[in-house]
Protein backbone atom coordinates (compact mmCIF):
# COMPACT_ATOMS: atom_id res chain seq x y z
CA MET A 1 -6.11 -3.61 8.11
CA GLN A 2 -8.45 -4.43 5.50
CA ASP A 3 -10.66 -7.77 6.50
CA ILE A 4 -9.10 -7.63 9.74
CA THR A 5 -10.72 -4.20 11.21
CA HIS A 6 -13.98 -4.66 11.22
CA LEU A 7 -17.05 -4.38 12.76
CA ALA A 8 -16.55 -7.60 14.79
CA PHE A 9 -13.28 -6.45 15.87
CA MET A 10 -13.97 -2.96 16.85
CA ARG A 11 -16.73 -4.42 18.95
CA VAL A 12 -14.58 -6.97 20.83
CA LEU A 13 -11.53 -4.58 21.06
CA ALA A 14 -13.77 -2.00 22.49
CA ARG A 15 -14.57 -3.87 25.41
CA ARG A 16 -11.08 -4.25 26.19
CA SER A 17 -9.70 -0.54 25.68
CA ALA A 18 -10.88 1.71 22.79
CA PRO A 19 -9.11 4.24 20.99
CA ASP A 20 -10.89 8.15 20.53
CA TRP A 21 -11.87 7.18 17.16
CA PHE A 22 -12.04 4.30 14.74
CA VAL A 23 -11.26 4.01 10.93
CA THR A 24 -12.90 1.56 8.40
CA GLU A 25 -11.44 -1.00 6.11
CA TYR A 26 -11.48 0.91 3.17
CA PHE A 27 -13.94 1.12 0.75
CA ARG A 28 -12.37 0.54 -2.70
CA VAL A 29 -13.41 3.30 -5.30
CA HIS A 30 -13.64 3.61 -9.00
CA PRO A 31 -16.57 4.26 -12.03
CA ASN A 32 -18.52 1.08 -10.76
CA SER A 33 -18.28 0.92 -7.12
CA LYS A 34 -20.77 1.21 -4.34
CA PRO A 35 -20.02 1.59 -0.68
CA GLU A 36 -19.40 -2.52 0.27
CA ARG A 37 -22.38 -3.60 2.77
CA HIS A 38 -20.07 -5.02 5.99
CA ILE A 39 -17.88 -1.99 5.52
CA VAL A 40 -20.91 0.50 6.10
CA ARG A 41 -22.04 -1.91 9.08
CA ALA A 42 -19.20 -0.82 10.61
CA ILE A 43 -20.45 2.64 10.83
CA THR A 44 -24.54 1.84 10.91
CA GLY A 45 -24.01 -0.89 13.32
CA ASN A 46 -21.28 0.61 15.57
CA ASP A 47 -22.44 0.70 19.05
CA THR A 48 -19.15 1.01 20.57
CA GLY A 49 -19.73 5.16 21.17
CA LYS A 50 -16.80 5.76 19.21
CA PRO A 51 -16.63 7.82 16.04
CA VAL A 52 -15.89 6.15 12.80
CA PHE A 53 -14.00 7.94 9.49
CA ALA A 54 -14.83 6.48 6.47
CA GLN A 55 -11.69 5.22 4.20
CA LEU A 56 -11.72 5.63 0.43
CA ILE A 57 -8.93 4.22 -1.81
CA GLY A 58 -8.71 5.05 -5.35
CA ASP A 59 -7.49 7.44 -7.56
CA ASP A 60 -10.77 8.88 -9.87
CA LEU A 61 -11.99 11.78 -8.51
CA PRO A 62 -15.76 12.08 -9.39
CA SER A 63 -15.97 8.38 -8.21
CA LEU A 64 -14.18 9.49 -4.55
CA VAL A 65 -16.69 12.50 -4.41
CA ARG A 66 -19.88 10.63 -5.54
CA THR A 67 -18.61 7.57 -2.43
CA ALA A 68 -17.67 10.37 0.03
CA ARG A 69 -21.44 11.72 -0.53
CA ALA A 70 -22.87 8.40 -0.69
CA LEU A 71 -21.13 7.98 2.79
CA GLU A 72 -22.10 11.54 4.28
CA ARG A 73 -25.46 10.31 4.76
CA PHE A 74 -24.53 8.24 7.75
CA SER A 75 -23.53 8.84 10.82
CA ILE A 76 -19.62 9.36 10.41
CA ALA A 77 -16.76 11.25 11.63
CA GLY A 78 -15.12 12.35 8.28
CA ILE A 79 -13.57 11.14 5.20
CA ASP A 80 -10.23 9.48 5.30
CA ILE A 81 -8.48 9.12 1.92
CA ASN A 82 -5.79 5.99 1.97
CA LEU A 83 -2.41 7.25 0.50
CA GLY A 84 -0.34 4.31 2.57
CA CYS A 85 -1.59 0.86 1.26
CA PRO A 86 1.88 -0.93 0.18
CA ALA A 87 0.10 -3.71 -1.77
CA PRO A 88 1.38 -4.17 -5.12
CA ILE A 89 -2.18 -4.88 -7.02
CA VAL A 90 -3.38 -1.52 -5.39
CA CYS A 91 -0.18 0.54 -5.81
CA ARG A 92 -0.10 -0.90 -9.93
CA LYS A 93 -3.91 1.05 -9.67
CA ASN A 94 -2.08 4.49 -8.78
CA ALA A 95 -4.32 3.91 -6.01
CA GLY A 96 -3.47 3.80 -1.57
CA GLY A 97 0.72 4.85 -1.76
CA GLY A 98 0.76 4.49 -5.55
CA LEU A 99 -0.71 7.97 -5.82
CA LEU A 100 2.60 9.24 -3.91
CA ARG A 101 4.31 8.51 -6.90
CA ARG A 102 2.99 11.78 -8.47
CA PRO A 103 2.36 14.38 -6.57
CA ASP A 104 0.99 17.07 -8.99
CA GLU A 105 -1.86 14.52 -9.54
CA LEU A 106 -2.12 13.89 -5.54
CA ARG A 107 -2.84 17.82 -5.20
CA VAL A 108 -5.46 18.03 -8.06
CA LEU A 109 -6.91 14.60 -5.96
CA LEU A 110 -6.90 15.87 -2.63
CA ASP A 111 -8.33 19.54 -4.05
CA GLY A 112 -11.04 18.08 -5.57
CA LEU A 113 -11.84 16.03 -2.39
CA ARG A 114 -11.47 18.88 -0.28
CA ALA A 115 -13.91 21.19 -2.02
CA ALA A 116 -16.95 18.02 -2.20
CA VAL A 117 -16.36 17.08 1.78
CA PRO A 118 -17.93 19.80 3.52
CA GLY A 119 -17.40 18.18 7.19
CA ARG A 120 -13.86 16.40 8.09
CA PHE A 121 -11.63 15.33 5.43
CA THR A 122 -8.59 13.46 6.75
CA ALA A 123 -5.65 11.72 4.94
CA LYS A 124 -3.10 8.88 5.91
CA THR A 125 0.36 8.75 4.03
CA ARG A 126 3.62 7.70 4.21
CA ILE A 127 6.70 9.50 4.08
CA GLY A 128 7.37 8.54 0.44
CA TYR A 129 6.83 6.21 -1.86
CA ALA A 130 10.72 4.66 -2.69
CA LEU A 131 12.86 7.04 -0.67
CA PRO A 132 12.17 9.79 2.42
CA GLU A 133 13.66 12.36 0.40
CA GLU A 134 10.51 12.55 -1.17
CA PHE A 135 8.46 13.82 1.64
CA PRO A 136 9.08 17.66 1.91
CA GLU A 137 7.44 17.51 -1.65
CA LEU A 138 4.60 15.63 -0.55
CA LEU A 139 4.34 17.87 2.74
CA GLU A 140 3.87 20.63 0.64
CA CYS A 141 1.16 19.29 -0.87
CA PHE A 142 -0.43 18.15 2.57
CA SER A 143 -0.15 21.70 3.77
CA GLY A 144 -1.86 23.62 1.44
CA VAL A 145 -4.74 21.44 0.76
CA GLY A 146 -6.78 22.42 4.05
CA LEU A 147 -6.83 19.20 5.68
CA ASP A 148 -8.43 18.09 9.26
CA GLY A 149 -5.75 15.94 9.65
CA LEU A 150 -3.06 13.96 8.82
CA THR A 151 -1.30 10.39 9.84
CA ILE A 152 1.91 9.27 8.67
CA HIS A 153 3.15 5.97 8.68
CA ALA A 154 6.78 6.95 9.01
CA ARG A 155 7.95 4.32 6.35
CA THR A 156 7.89 4.86 2.64
CA VAL A 157 5.73 2.72 0.78
CA LYS A 158 8.53 0.54 -0.83
CA GLN A 159 9.47 -0.33 2.97
CA CYS A 160 6.02 -1.74 3.38
CA TYR A 161 6.05 -2.68 7.18
CA LYS A 162 10.10 -3.61 7.65
CA GLY A 163 12.48 -1.29 9.63
CA PRO A 164 12.29 1.57 11.77
CA VAL A 165 10.25 4.57 11.63
CA ASP A 166 11.54 7.91 10.61
CA THR A 167 10.37 10.42 13.41
CA THR A 168 12.20 13.11 12.09
CA LEU A 169 10.16 13.25 9.14
CA VAL A 170 6.30 13.10 11.22
CA ALA A 171 8.20 15.80 13.67
CA LEU A 172 8.79 17.55 10.67
CA ALA A 173 5.04 17.49 9.81
CA ALA A 174 3.86 18.27 13.13
CA ARG A 175 5.77 21.79 13.00
CA VAL A 176 4.46 22.48 9.44
CA MET A 177 0.73 21.29 9.13
CA ARG A 178 -1.96 23.63 10.87
CA CYS A 179 -3.72 20.58 11.18
CA PRO A 180 -3.15 17.94 13.61
CA VAL A 181 -0.62 15.09 12.99
CA ILE A 182 -1.00 11.59 13.77
CA ALA A 183 2.28 8.98 14.38
CA ASN A 184 1.62 5.67 12.96
CA GLY A 185 3.94 2.76 12.76
CA ASN A 186 5.87 0.35 15.05
CA ILE A 187 3.20 1.22 18.49
CA VAL A 188 3.41 -2.33 20.35
CA ASP A 189 3.04 -1.23 23.60
CA ALA A 190 3.04 1.95 25.81
CA ALA A 191 6.48 2.37 26.06
CA THR A 192 7.19 3.01 21.99
CA ALA A 193 3.79 5.00 22.35
CA LEU A 194 5.30 7.44 24.59
CA ALA A 195 8.96 7.75 22.42
CA TYR A 196 7.11 8.13 19.42
CA HIS A 197 4.95 10.96 20.92
CA ARG A 198 8.07 12.41 22.72
CA LEU A 199 10.21 12.02 19.72
CA THR A 200 7.80 13.62 17.09
CA GLY A 201 5.70 16.17 19.07
CA ALA A 202 2.60 14.58 17.24
CA SER A 203 -0.65 15.43 18.35
CA GLY A 204 -1.74 11.69 18.57
CA LEU A 205 -1.04 8.07 17.78
CA MET A 206 -2.62 5.75 15.67
CA VAL A 207 -2.50 1.62 16.25
CA GLY A 208 -2.84 -0.94 14.01
CA ARG A 209 -1.67 -3.98 14.32
CA GLY A 210 -0.14 -3.48 17.64
CA ALA A 211 -3.77 -3.70 18.81
CA ILE A 212 -4.56 -6.97 17.02
CA ARG A 213 -1.94 -8.31 19.22
CA ASN A 214 -2.61 -6.77 22.26
CA PRO A 215 -6.47 -4.96 22.57
CA TRP A 216 -5.67 -3.41 25.95
CA ILE A 217 -2.95 -1.16 24.27
CA PHE A 218 -5.07 1.80 24.55
CA SER A 219 -5.85 1.51 27.92
CA GLN A 220 -2.35 0.80 28.77
CA VAL A 221 -1.23 4.14 26.63
CA ASP A 222 -3.68 6.16 28.73
CA ALA A 223 -2.45 4.79 32.13
CA ALA A 224 1.28 5.66 30.64
CA PHE A 225 0.32 9.11 29.80
CA SER A 226 -1.27 9.80 32.88
CA GLY A 227 0.44 7.94 35.51
CA ALA A 228 -1.90 5.34 36.26
CA ALA A 229 -1.66 1.87 37.01
CA SER A 230 -1.52 -0.59 33.97
CA PRO A 231 -3.63 -3.13 32.82
CA VAL A 232 -1.95 -6.47 32.95
CA PRO A 233 -3.01 -9.24 30.85
CA SER A 234 -2.49 -12.91 31.15
CA HIS A 235 -2.54 -15.85 28.96
CA PHE A 236 -6.21 -16.99 29.98
CA ASP A 237 -7.29 -13.11 29.12
CA LEU A 238 -5.91 -13.55 25.60
CA LEU A 239 -7.69 -17.01 24.96
CA GLU A 240 -10.65 -15.30 25.95
CA TYR A 241 -10.03 -12.37 23.38
CA ILE A 242 -9.85 -15.06 20.99
CA ASN A 243 -12.79 -16.73 21.38
CA GLU A 244 -14.64 -13.80 21.62
CA LEU A 245 -13.39 -12.67 18.09
CA TYR A 246 -14.17 -15.77 16.71
CA ASP A 247 -17.54 -16.13 18.04
CA ALA A 248 -18.25 -12.05 16.91
CA VAL A 249 -16.23 -12.14 13.36
CA ALA A 250 -19.04 -16.05 12.70
CA ALA A 251 -22.00 -13.96 13.81
CA GLU A 252 -21.28 -10.94 10.88
CA THR A 253 -20.67 -13.71 8.62
CA VAL A 254 -23.26 -13.81 6.06
CA THR A 255 -22.65 -17.25 4.83
CA PHE A 256 -21.08 -18.96 7.69
CA CYS A 257 -18.41 -22.03 6.20
CA PRO A 258 -16.38 -23.91 9.41
CA LYS A 259 -13.39 -24.31 7.99
CA GLY A 260 -13.32 -21.21 5.69
CA HIS A 261 -14.09 -19.40 8.98
CA VAL A 262 -10.70 -21.11 10.55
CA GLN A 263 -8.61 -19.68 7.42
CA ARG A 264 -10.33 -16.09 7.91
CA MET A 265 -9.30 -16.45 11.78
CA LYS A 266 -6.03 -17.79 11.21
CA ARG A 267 -5.21 -14.32 9.30
CA THR A 268 -5.77 -12.38 12.29
CA VAL A 269 -4.17 -14.48 15.17
CA VAL A 270 -1.12 -14.80 13.28
CA TYR A 271 -0.62 -11.06 14.78
CA ILE A 272 -1.89 -12.93 18.18
CA CYS A 273 -0.10 -15.50 18.42
CA HIS A 274 3.47 -14.32 17.08
CA GLY A 275 6.17 -15.29 19.75
CA LEU A 276 4.14 -16.82 22.04
CA GLY A 277 4.40 -20.74 23.22
CA ASN A 278 6.61 -23.44 21.68
CA GLY A 279 5.28 -24.03 18.28
CA PHE A 280 1.78 -21.80 18.57
CA GLU A 281 2.03 -19.73 15.51
CA HIS A 282 3.41 -23.33 13.53
CA ALA A 283 0.70 -25.24 14.76
CA LEU A 284 -1.72 -22.58 14.25
CA ARG A 285 -1.03 -22.01 10.49
CA ARG A 286 -1.42 -25.58 9.57
CA CYS A 287 -4.61 -26.22 11.39
CA VAL A 288 -8.12 -26.80 9.34
CA THR A 289 -10.99 -27.24 11.41
CA PRO A 290 -12.37 -25.44 14.16
CA ASP A 291 -11.76 -28.01 16.89
CA GLU A 292 -7.80 -28.21 16.09
CA PHE A 293 -7.96 -24.14 16.08
CA HIS A 294 -9.50 -23.62 19.35
CA ALA A 295 -7.49 -27.08 20.68
CA ILE A 296 -4.39 -25.25 19.55
CA CYS A 297 -5.23 -21.81 21.40
CA ARG A 298 -6.16 -23.80 24.53
CA ASP A 299 -2.99 -25.66 24.65
CA GLN A 300 -0.86 -22.65 24.48
CA LEU A 301 -2.75 -20.15 26.21
CA ALA A 302 -4.51 -21.71 29.45
CA SER A 303 -2.28 -19.51 32.06
CA SER A 304 -2.66 -17.44 34.24
CA GLU A 305 0.97 -15.94 33.63
CA PRO A 306 1.14 -12.12 32.38
CA LEU A 307 1.60 -12.48 28.42
CA PRO A 308 5.11 -10.56 27.19
CA VAL A 309 5.02 -6.79 26.81
CA LEU A 310 6.84 -6.93 23.67
CA PRO A 311 6.42 -9.13 20.45
CA PRO A 312 10.41 -10.85 19.31
CA ASP A 313 12.87 -8.64 18.75
CA ASP A 314 13.67 -10.16 15.23
CA SER A 315 9.84 -10.04 14.74
CA PRO A 316 8.90 -9.88 10.57
CA LEU A 317 5.20 -8.69 11.69
CA PHE A 318 6.48 -6.11 14.06
CA SER A 319 9.66 -4.80 12.63
CA GLY A 320 11.94 -2.21 14.14
CA PHE A 321 10.12 -1.18 17.18
CA GLY A 322 13.14 -1.42 19.03
CA GLY A 323 13.99 1.74 16.93
CA LEU A 324 11.83 4.07 19.22
CA LEU A 325 13.25 2.71 22.76
CA GLU A 326 16.84 3.32 21.67
């Protein structure tokens, strides 16, 4: 989640529940690139106690190798290559999900990076660029590279974040790959996590947007797997989370502009407020000043009532999660 899952978010999340490891925002890699300082901070300034993988995006092998070697000077858990970003501007540059259109070129790139990365080397992919039928050829490519882990967002690039995930292809990868396969997409609560794991046999689960909406999700999933009592956050708890995130992001901002900060926070909080309260999202999208932002959050969240477990069934931000529960 570019521009959202930064160091400040990792810190605030980890105070509520934390994954087994974090993955940075992606480092944009090209012939003239240098590792972005604010993303490097998510590695060097990370005090959550959790390992951090450095994520790269790009299609120029020499530049990717150069950047990987530069990042290995820091305390990272490994190098991860992004093969799933569906943003049109990224795909037009033959990066992210755009690389899936050329499996032969992708294999060369992965072989080159595998040879250059002495530590853990992982990839995150989609099940195809346009069609799921592309996945078997991609899987053959991944299985011959020597990856240390493969995360699969089980939609095509063209699907973006819409519709149900294809659990059958994740299950196929889990049977074929020698490395751990991590299932991603549509995990919004403990029940969807359990279902995704059961349907795929994946070694693990990756949560992105679901953790922005619900920072207690990792503790809830752990509790569901172990049979322990699960945290039940209230609206007040969510308000505290938003306020803490607001302050943490502000503290990491080099040049602080109050109105600009509100706009930045709105890009994150839209995942949090979606489906909550009468007119919450509508009002939030239109606020301008910090006072307006905080007043709207207080008005909507000053309650001890438990938060709803699931997003709305017709949510455009969390589309198709119900398919895991059928």
